[in-house]
Structure formats: C-alpha cells, structure tokens
Protein backbone atom coordinates (compact mmCIF):
# COMPACT_ATOMS: atom_id res chain seq x y z
CA MET A 1 -0.10 0.18 -0.05
CA ALA A 2 1.55 3.16 -1.07
CA HIS A 3 1.73 6.15 1.31
CA LYS A 4 -0.48 9.18 0.74
CA HIS A 5 2.37 11.66 1.71
CA PRO A 6 5.35 10.91 -0.36
CA GLU A 7 7.64 13.12 2.53
CA GLU A 8 6.35 10.29 5.13
CA ALA A 9 8.08 7.81 2.99
CA VAL A 10 11.35 9.74 2.77
CA PHE A 11 11.29 10.12 6.63
CA ARG A 12 10.52 6.19 7.06
CA GLU A 13 13.43 5.47 4.91
CA PHE A 14 15.80 7.87 7.01
CA LEU A 15 14.50 6.12 10.08
CA ILE A 16 15.21 2.91 8.70
CA ALA A 17 18.56 3.68 7.71
CA VAL A 18 19.60 5.30 11.04
CA LEU A 19 18.11 2.38 12.87
CA LEU A 20 20.27 -0.30 10.45
CA HIS A 21 23.30 1.74 10.86
CA ASN A 22 23.16 2.08 14.69
CA GLU A 23 22.48 -1.94 15.00
CA ALA A 24 25.46 -2.58 12.50
CA VAL A 25 27.66 -0.13 14.68
CA ALA A 26 26.37 -2.15 17.77
CA ASP A 27 27.37 -5.69 16.06
CA ARG A 28 31.17 -4.16 15.41
CA LEU A 29 31.44 -3.49 18.76
CA GLY A 30 29.79 -6.81 20.26
CA LEU A 31 27.00 -4.37 21.70
CA GLN A 32 23.14 -4.36 21.73
CA PRO A 33 22.01 -1.06 20.00
CA VAL A 34 20.51 0.36 23.15
CA ASP A 35 24.23 0.02 24.36
CA VAL A 36 25.48 2.29 21.67
CA ALA A 37 22.34 4.57 22.53
CA ALA A 38 23.73 4.84 26.03
CA ALA A 39 27.47 5.32 25.43
CA ILE A 40 26.24 8.30 22.85
CA LEU A 41 24.32 9.85 25.47
CA LEU A 42 27.24 9.50 27.94
CA GLU A 43 29.41 11.08 25.56
CA THR A 44 26.99 14.02 24.72
CA ARG A 45 26.00 15.04 28.16
CA GLY A 46 28.81 13.80 30.32
CA PRO A 47 28.60 11.28 33.30
CA LEU A 48 25.22 10.57 34.43
CA PRO A 49 23.45 8.75 37.28
CA VAL A 50 22.08 5.23 36.55
CA GLY A 51 18.64 6.42 37.30
CA THR A 52 19.05 9.21 34.48
CA ILE A 53 20.34 6.44 31.96
CA SER A 54 17.14 4.35 32.91
CA GLU A 55 14.84 7.40 32.26
CA GLU A 56 16.26 8.59 29.17
CA LEU A 57 16.59 5.17 27.50
CA GLY A 58 13.34 4.28 28.90
CA LEU A 59 14.45 1.05 30.43
CA PRO A 60 13.57 -0.59 33.77
CA SER A 61 16.36 -0.28 36.11
CA ALA A 62 16.99 -4.11 35.91
CA SER A 63 17.84 -3.75 31.89
CA THR A 64 19.88 -0.46 32.90
CA THR A 65 22.02 -2.33 35.04
CA ARG A 66 22.71 -5.19 32.61
CA LEU A 67 23.31 -2.44 30.03
CA ILE A 68 25.85 -0.74 32.02
CA ASP A 69 27.48 -4.36 33.12
CA ARG A 70 27.91 -4.89 29.24
CA LEU A 71 29.45 -1.65 28.76
CA GLU A 72 31.56 -1.65 31.59
CA LYS A 73 32.84 -5.37 30.66
CA ALA A 74 33.35 -4.11 27.37
CA GLY A 75 35.94 -1.22 28.72
CA TYR A 76 33.40 1.56 27.54
CA VAL A 77 32.27 3.10 30.99
CA ARG A 78 32.88 2.66 34.84
CA ARG A 79 30.52 3.07 37.62
CA VAL A 80 31.58 5.91 40.31
CA ARG A 81 30.25 6.06 43.75
CA GLY A 82 29.27 9.16 45.30
CA GLU A 83 31.97 10.20 47.73
CA ARG A 84 29.32 11.73 50.19
CA ASP A 85 26.50 9.33 49.71
CA ARG A 86 28.04 5.76 48.47
CA ARG A 87 24.49 4.57 47.46
CA THR A 88 24.42 7.06 44.79
CA VAL A 89 26.27 5.69 41.37
CA THR A 90 27.04 7.95 38.59
CA VAL A 91 28.33 6.27 34.89
CA GLU A 92 31.09 7.78 33.23
CA LEU A 93 32.86 7.07 30.10
CA VAL A 94 36.28 5.79 30.38
CA GLU A 95 39.24 7.63 28.73
CA GLY A 96 39.26 6.63 25.17
CA GLY A 97 36.41 4.30 25.44
CA LEU A 98 34.82 5.33 22.61
CA ASP A 99 37.63 4.90 20.11
CA ASP A 100 36.19 1.88 18.99
CA TYR A 101 32.72 3.34 18.37
CA ASP A 102 34.59 6.38 16.64
CA ALA A 103 36.46 3.90 14.15
CA ALA A 104 33.37 1.96 13.52
CA CYS A 105 31.50 5.51 12.59
CA GLU A 106 34.51 6.55 10.54
CA SER A 107 32.55 5.49 7.31
CA SER A 108 29.40 6.97 8.06
CA ARG A 109 31.06 10.17 8.93
CA ARG A 110 32.69 10.31 5.72
CA HIS A 111 29.66 9.84 3.80
CA LEU A 112 27.90 12.70 6.13
CA ASP A 113 30.53 14.90 5.61
CA ALA A 114 30.09 14.83 1.76
CA ILE A 115 26.61 15.56 2.29
CA ALA A 116 27.48 18.62 4.43
CA LEU A 117 28.62 20.35 1.21
CA HIS A 118 25.41 20.57 -0.26
CA TYR A 119 24.16 23.02 2.53
CA GLY A 120 25.39 26.60 3.22
CA PRO A 121 26.45 28.05 6.52
CA GLU A 122 22.72 29.78 6.58
CA GLN A 123 21.12 26.34 6.72
CA VAL A 124 22.72 24.84 9.64
CA PRO A 125 20.54 26.50 12.02
CA LEU A 126 17.32 25.38 10.53
CA LEU A 127 18.79 21.75 10.09
CA LEU A 128 19.96 21.93 13.79
CA ASP A 129 16.36 23.04 14.97
CA MET A 130 14.56 20.21 12.81
CA PHE A 131 16.77 17.50 14.35
CA THR A 132 16.13 18.88 17.80
CA ARG A 133 12.62 19.09 17.19
CA VAL A 134 12.40 15.46 15.55
CA ALA A 135 14.62 14.13 18.62
CA GLY A 136 11.89 15.85 21.22
CA ALA A 137 8.98 14.35 19.36
CA TYR A 138 10.38 10.84 19.35
CA ARG A 139 11.16 11.06 22.67
CA SER A 140 7.61 12.27 23.81
CA ALA A 141 6.16 9.57 21.67
CA THR A 142 8.64 6.76 23.21
CA LYS A 143 7.37 7.49 26.52
CA GLU A 144 3.73 7.46 25.50
CA LEU A 145 4.40 4.05 24.43
CA ARG A 146 6.33 3.12 27.33
CA GLN A 147 3.37 4.60 29.67
CA ASP A 148 0.60 2.29 27.68
CA GLU A 149 2.66 -0.78 28.66
CA THR A 150 2.34 -0.31 32.18
C-alpha cells in the first residue's frame, strides 16, 4: 500500500537507515543497539546517574543495570560511587572508551561530511532545529508508548 504523503516515505527510509546503521555499529562493537545509545548519551551529556540513563532510554532499572554491566565489561564505561552518599552511582565514559565506536563510525562520518557540502552555513541552524524538534517528538512518543505498557 502506497503512502499518501511522499515526505512520510522519505522520513521512514531515513529512520530505517539510521536504525540499521546503529545496529551495524553495535554488531561491530559486540554490543546491543541500546548500549550504543547509552554510550552516545554519556558522550554528549557527560557522566550520568544510573536513574537518568534508565529514564532517558525508557528502560526498567534491571535492564539498565545489565546494559551498564555490558558497557563496563567491554571497557567503555565505569561506575563511580558518590563521595558523600556511597549509594549514588554515576556512570562515566572511560578515557578513550569510545575509540572503537569512532572507528566504527568512520565511514558514516565520511559520507555525512560529503552531504554537508550541499548546504550553506545559513541552513545549519534550520537543520539543527529540525533535528532537535524531531528528537523531542520521538522522545515524547516513546514515553507515551512506554506508559501504555504499564
């Protein structure tokens, strides 16, 4: 069945490409796709409490614990206990921990750099705004889906 809106088909093709790329990167690193998402989250936001990672990824705490175990075992992150309250645990990237990730993304970076040549500097704010809004829309939709599960 064909879509009524061609732009929807384009966007769905974009999503498929991103999802498959993330899965291929995860396979290359011996991780789960959600593990890669967690590592990227830590790279962009810095060290995070376990609860924040759980909330941001929409995972139950037990699943988040297993995810952190996998990343720690693979040498990407470490747990850091709070100095004042030893019960609080923050997760941080290990120095050089994402070197393998960066290497796995080298080809995508090269292809994306080539695309950037098609856009002028005046278009960058619009594109970044769109990505920010799309990410927010998907985060909201994901929260709604997760709430429906409970």
